[in-house]
């Protein structure tokens, strides 16, 4: 299984490291704060 994180936050990286999982990061570079729609389908 291949794990790809779309985030480079230290929290996510630390969680994967604590679990001993191999992963790669590919940040999305999307400003999630700019998303104002409450419906995830949109």
PDB file of N, CA and C in Angstrom:
ATOM      1  N   UNK A   1       0.842  -1.164   0.000  1.00  0.00           N
ATOM      2  CA  UNK A   1       0.000   0.000   0.000  1.00  0.00           C
ATOM      3  C   UNK A   1       0.895   1.237   0.000  1.00  0.00           C
ATOM      4  N   UNK A   2       0.479   2.226  -0.738  1.00  0.00           N
ATOM      5  CA  UNK A   2       1.225   3.488  -0.834  1.00  0.00           C
ATOM      6  C   UNK A   2       0.407   4.583  -0.149  1.00  0.00           C
ATOM      7  N   UNK A   3       1.049   5.310   0.753  1.00  0.00           N
ATOM      8  CA  UNK A   3       0.386   6.398   1.461  1.00  0.00           C
ATOM      9  C   UNK A   3       0.949   7.716   0.953  1.00  0.00           C
ATOM     10  N   UNK A   4       0.042   8.582   0.497  1.00  0.00           N
ATOM     11  CA  UNK A   4       0.428   9.897   0.011  1.00  0.00           C
ATOM     12  C   UNK A   4      -0.330  10.929   0.837  1.00  0.00           C
ATOM     13  N   UNK A   5       0.409  11.805   1.512  1.00  0.00           N
ATOM     14  CA  UNK A   5      -0.203  12.882   2.280  1.00  0.00           C
ATOM     15  C   UNK A   5      -0.312  14.114   1.399  1.00  0.00           C
ATOM     16  N   UNK A   6      -1.496  14.718   1.364  1.00  0.00           N
ATOM     17  CA  UNK A   6      -1.677  15.947   0.594  1.00  0.00           C
ATOM     18  C   UNK A   6      -1.450  17.150   1.494  1.00  0.00           C
ATOM     19  N   UNK A   7      -0.658  16.954   2.521  1.00  0.00           N
ATOM     20  CA  UNK A   7      -0.375  18.004   3.494  1.00  0.00           C
ATOM     21  C   UNK A   7       1.055  17.846   3.982  1.00  0.00           C
ATOM     22  N   UNK A   8       1.674  18.947   4.282  1.00  0.00           N
ATOM     23  CA  UNK A   8       3.016  18.893   4.848  1.00  0.00           C
ATOM     24  C   UNK A   8       3.023  19.365   6.295  1.00  0.00           C
ATOM     25  N   UNK A   9       1.873  19.296   6.950  1.00  0.00           N
ATOM     26  CA  UNK A   9       1.812  19.734   8.342  1.00  0.00           C
ATOM     27  C   UNK A   9       2.630  18.803   9.223  1.00  0.00           C
ATOM     28  N   UNK A  10       3.233  19.362  10.226  1.00  0.00           N
ATOM     29  CA  UNK A  10       4.048  18.570  11.139  1.00  0.00           C
ATOM     30  C   UNK A  10       3.195  17.539  11.876  1.00  0.00           C
ATOM     31  N   UNK A  11       1.934  17.867  12.144  1.00  0.00           N
ATOM     32  CA  UNK A  11       1.041  16.931  12.825  1.00  0.00           C
ATOM     33  C   UNK A  11       0.868  15.649  12.017  1.00  0.00           C
ATOM     34  N   UNK A  12       0.600  15.789  10.734  1.00  0.00           N
ATOM     35  CA  UNK A  12       0.393  14.617   9.873  1.00  0.00           C
ATOM     36  C   UNK A  12       1.675  13.792   9.748  1.00  0.00           C
ATOM     37  N   UNK A  13       2.778  14.485   9.528  1.00  0.00           N
ATOM     38  CA  UNK A  13       4.055  13.781   9.404  1.00  0.00           C
ATOM     39  C   UNK A  13       4.396  13.032  10.689  1.00  0.00           C
ATOM     40  N   UNK A  14       4.192  13.680  11.817  1.00  0.00           N
ATOM     41  CA  UNK A  14       4.505  13.066  13.114  1.00  0.00           C
ATOM     42  C   UNK A  14       3.630  11.839  13.352  1.00  0.00           C
ATOM     43  N   UNK A  15       2.355  11.933  12.990  1.00  0.00           N
ATOM     44  CA  UNK A  15       1.448  10.792  13.154  1.00  0.00           C
ATOM     45  C   UNK A  15       1.930   9.596  12.346  1.00  0.00           C
ATOM     46  N   UNK A  16       2.320   9.812  11.105  1.00  0.00           N
ATOM     47  CA  UNK A  16       2.812   8.717  10.259  1.00  0.00           C
ATOM     48  C   UNK A  16       4.112   8.149  10.817  1.00  0.00           C
ATOM     49  N   UNK A  17       5.000   9.033  11.297  1.00  0.00           N
ATOM     50  CA  UNK A  17       6.264   8.586  11.873  1.00  0.00           C
ATOM     51  C   UNK A  17       6.033   7.754  13.135  1.00  0.00           C
ATOM     52  N   UNK A  18       5.109   8.188  13.986  1.00  0.00           N
ATOM     53  CA  UNK A  18       4.816   7.443  15.213  1.00  0.00           C
ATOM     54  C   UNK A  18       4.248   6.061  14.916  1.00  0.00           C
ATOM     55  N   UNK A  19       3.491   5.964  13.826  1.00  0.00           N
ATOM     56  CA  UNK A  19       2.926   4.675  13.434  1.00  0.00           C
ATOM     57  C   UNK A  19       3.933   3.810  12.677  1.00  0.00           C
ATOM     58  N   UNK A  20       5.060   4.403  12.322  1.00  0.00           N
ATOM     59  CA  UNK A  20       6.101   3.666  11.611  1.00  0.00           C
ATOM     60  C   UNK A  20       5.753   3.394  10.154  1.00  0.00           C
ATOM     61  N   UNK A  21       4.906   4.236   9.590  1.00  0.00           N
ATOM     62  CA  UNK A  21       4.475   4.034   8.211  1.00  0.00           C
ATOM     63  C   UNK A  21       5.344   4.811   7.239  1.00  0.00           C
ATOM     64  N   UNK A  22       5.555   4.224   6.083  1.00  0.00           N
ATOM     65  CA  UNK A  22       6.276   4.895   5.010  1.00  0.00           C
ATOM     66  C   UNK A  22       5.273   5.698   4.205  1.00  0.00           C
ATOM     67  N   UNK A  23       5.605   6.934   3.895  1.00  0.00           N
ATOM     68  CA  UNK A  23       4.686   7.818   3.185  1.00  0.00           C
ATOM     69  C   UNK A  23       5.471   8.821   2.365  1.00  0.00           C
ATOM     70  N   UNK A  24       4.768   9.474   1.484  1.00  0.00           N
ATOM     71  CA  UNK A  24       5.349  10.591   0.752  1.00  0.00           C
ATOM     72  C   UNK A  24       4.380  11.761   0.859  1.00  0.00           C
ATOM     73  N   UNK A  25       4.886  12.952   0.696  1.00  0.00           N
ATOM     74  CA  UNK A  25       4.026  14.131   0.752  1.00  0.00           C
ATOM     75  C   UNK A  25       3.948  14.772  -0.618  1.00  0.00           C
ATOM     76  N   UNK A  26       2.746  15.146  -0.976  1.00  0.00           N
ATOM     77  CA  UNK A  26       2.488  15.897  -2.200  1.00  0.00           C
ATOM     78  C   UNK A  26       1.453  16.953  -1.849  1.00  0.00           C
ATOM     79  N   UNK A  27       1.915  18.069  -1.329  1.00  0.00           N
ATOM     80  CA  UNK A  27       0.970  19.093  -0.890  1.00  0.00           C
ATOM     81  C   UNK A  27       0.111  19.606  -2.044  1.00  0.00           C
ATOM     82  N   UNK A  28      -1.127  19.887  -1.726  1.00  0.00           N
ATOM     83  CA  UNK A  28      -2.083  20.305  -2.750  1.00  0.00           C
ATOM     84  C   UNK A  28      -1.918  21.765  -3.148  1.00  0.00           C
ATOM     85  N   UNK A  29      -1.316  22.573  -2.295  1.00  0.00           N
ATOM     86  CA  UNK A  29      -1.131  23.998  -2.540  1.00  0.00           C
ATOM     87  C   UNK A  29      -2.463  24.721  -2.772  1.00  0.00           C
ATOM     88  N   UNK A  30      -3.507  24.231  -2.128  1.00  0.00           N
ATOM     89  CA  UNK A  30      -4.825  24.863  -2.200  1.00  0.00           C
ATOM     90  C   UNK A  30      -5.065  25.590  -0.888  1.00  0.00           C
ATOM     91  N   UNK A  31      -5.508  26.824  -0.984  1.00  0.00           N
ATOM     92  CA  UNK A  31      -5.829  27.599   0.207  1.00  0.00           C
ATOM     93  C   UNK A  31      -7.201  27.164   0.708  1.00  0.00           C
ATOM     94  N   UNK A  32      -7.226  26.209   1.653  1.00  0.00           N
ATOM     95  CA  UNK A  32      -8.483  25.675   2.149  1.00  0.00           C
ATOM     96  C   UNK A  32      -9.298  26.716   2.900  1.00  0.00           C
ATOM     97  N   UNK A  33      -8.661  27.749   3.409  1.00  0.00           N
ATOM     98  CA  UNK A  33      -9.384  28.805   4.109  1.00  0.00           C
ATOM     99  C   UNK A  33     -10.245  29.620   3.145  1.00  0.00           C
ATOM    100  N   UNK A  34      -9.892  29.578   1.858  1.00  0.00           N
ATOM    101  CA  UNK A  34     -10.651  30.328   0.860  1.00  0.00           C
ATOM    102  C   UNK A  34     -11.942  29.610   0.463  1.00  0.00           C
ATOM    103  N   UNK A  35     -12.083  28.356   0.848  1.00  0.00           N
ATOM    104  CA  UNK A  35     -13.283  27.592   0.512  1.00  0.00           C
ATOM    105  C   UNK A  35     -14.387  27.973   1.489  1.00  0.00           C
ATOM    106  N   UNK A  36     -15.452  28.523   0.979  1.00  0.00           N
ATOM    107  CA  UNK A  36     -16.546  29.023   1.824  1.00  0.00           C
ATOM    108  C   UNK A  36     -17.788  28.144   1.776  1.00  0.00           C
ATOM    109  N   UNK A  37     -17.865  27.197   0.847  1.00  0.00           N
ATOM    110  CA  UNK A  37     -19.056  26.367   0.698  1.00  0.00           C
ATOM    111  C   UNK A  37     -19.067  25.278   1.764  1.00  0.00           C
ATOM    112  N   UNK A  38     -20.193  25.147   2.459  1.00  0.00           N
ATOM    113  CA  UNK A  38     -20.304  24.122   3.516  1.00  0.00           C
ATOM    114  C   UNK A  38     -20.633  22.737   2.968  1.00  0.00           C
ATOM    115  N   UNK A  39     -20.995  22.654   1.699  1.00  0.00           N
ATOM    116  CA  UNK A  39     -21.362  21.372   1.098  1.00  0.00           C
ATOM    117  C   UNK A  39     -20.117  20.758   0.453  1.00  0.00           C
ATOM    118  N   UNK A  40     -19.582  19.657   1.018  1.00  0.00           N
ATOM    119  CA  UNK A  40     -18.345  19.061   0.468  1.00  0.00           C
ATOM    120  C   UNK A  40     -18.494  18.557  -0.958  1.00  0.00           C
ATOM    121  N   UNK A  41     -19.719  18.284  -1.400  1.00  0.00           N
ATOM    122  CA  UNK A  41     -19.923  17.817  -2.773  1.00  0.00           C
ATOM    123  C   UNK A  41     -19.575  18.895  -3.785  1.00  0.00           C
ATOM    124  N   UNK A  42     -19.687  20.157  -3.390  1.00  0.00           N
ATOM    125  CA  UNK A  42     -19.358  21.250  -4.314  1.00  0.00           C
ATOM    126  C   UNK A  42     -17.876  21.456  -4.346  1.00  0.00           C
TER     127      UNK A  42
END
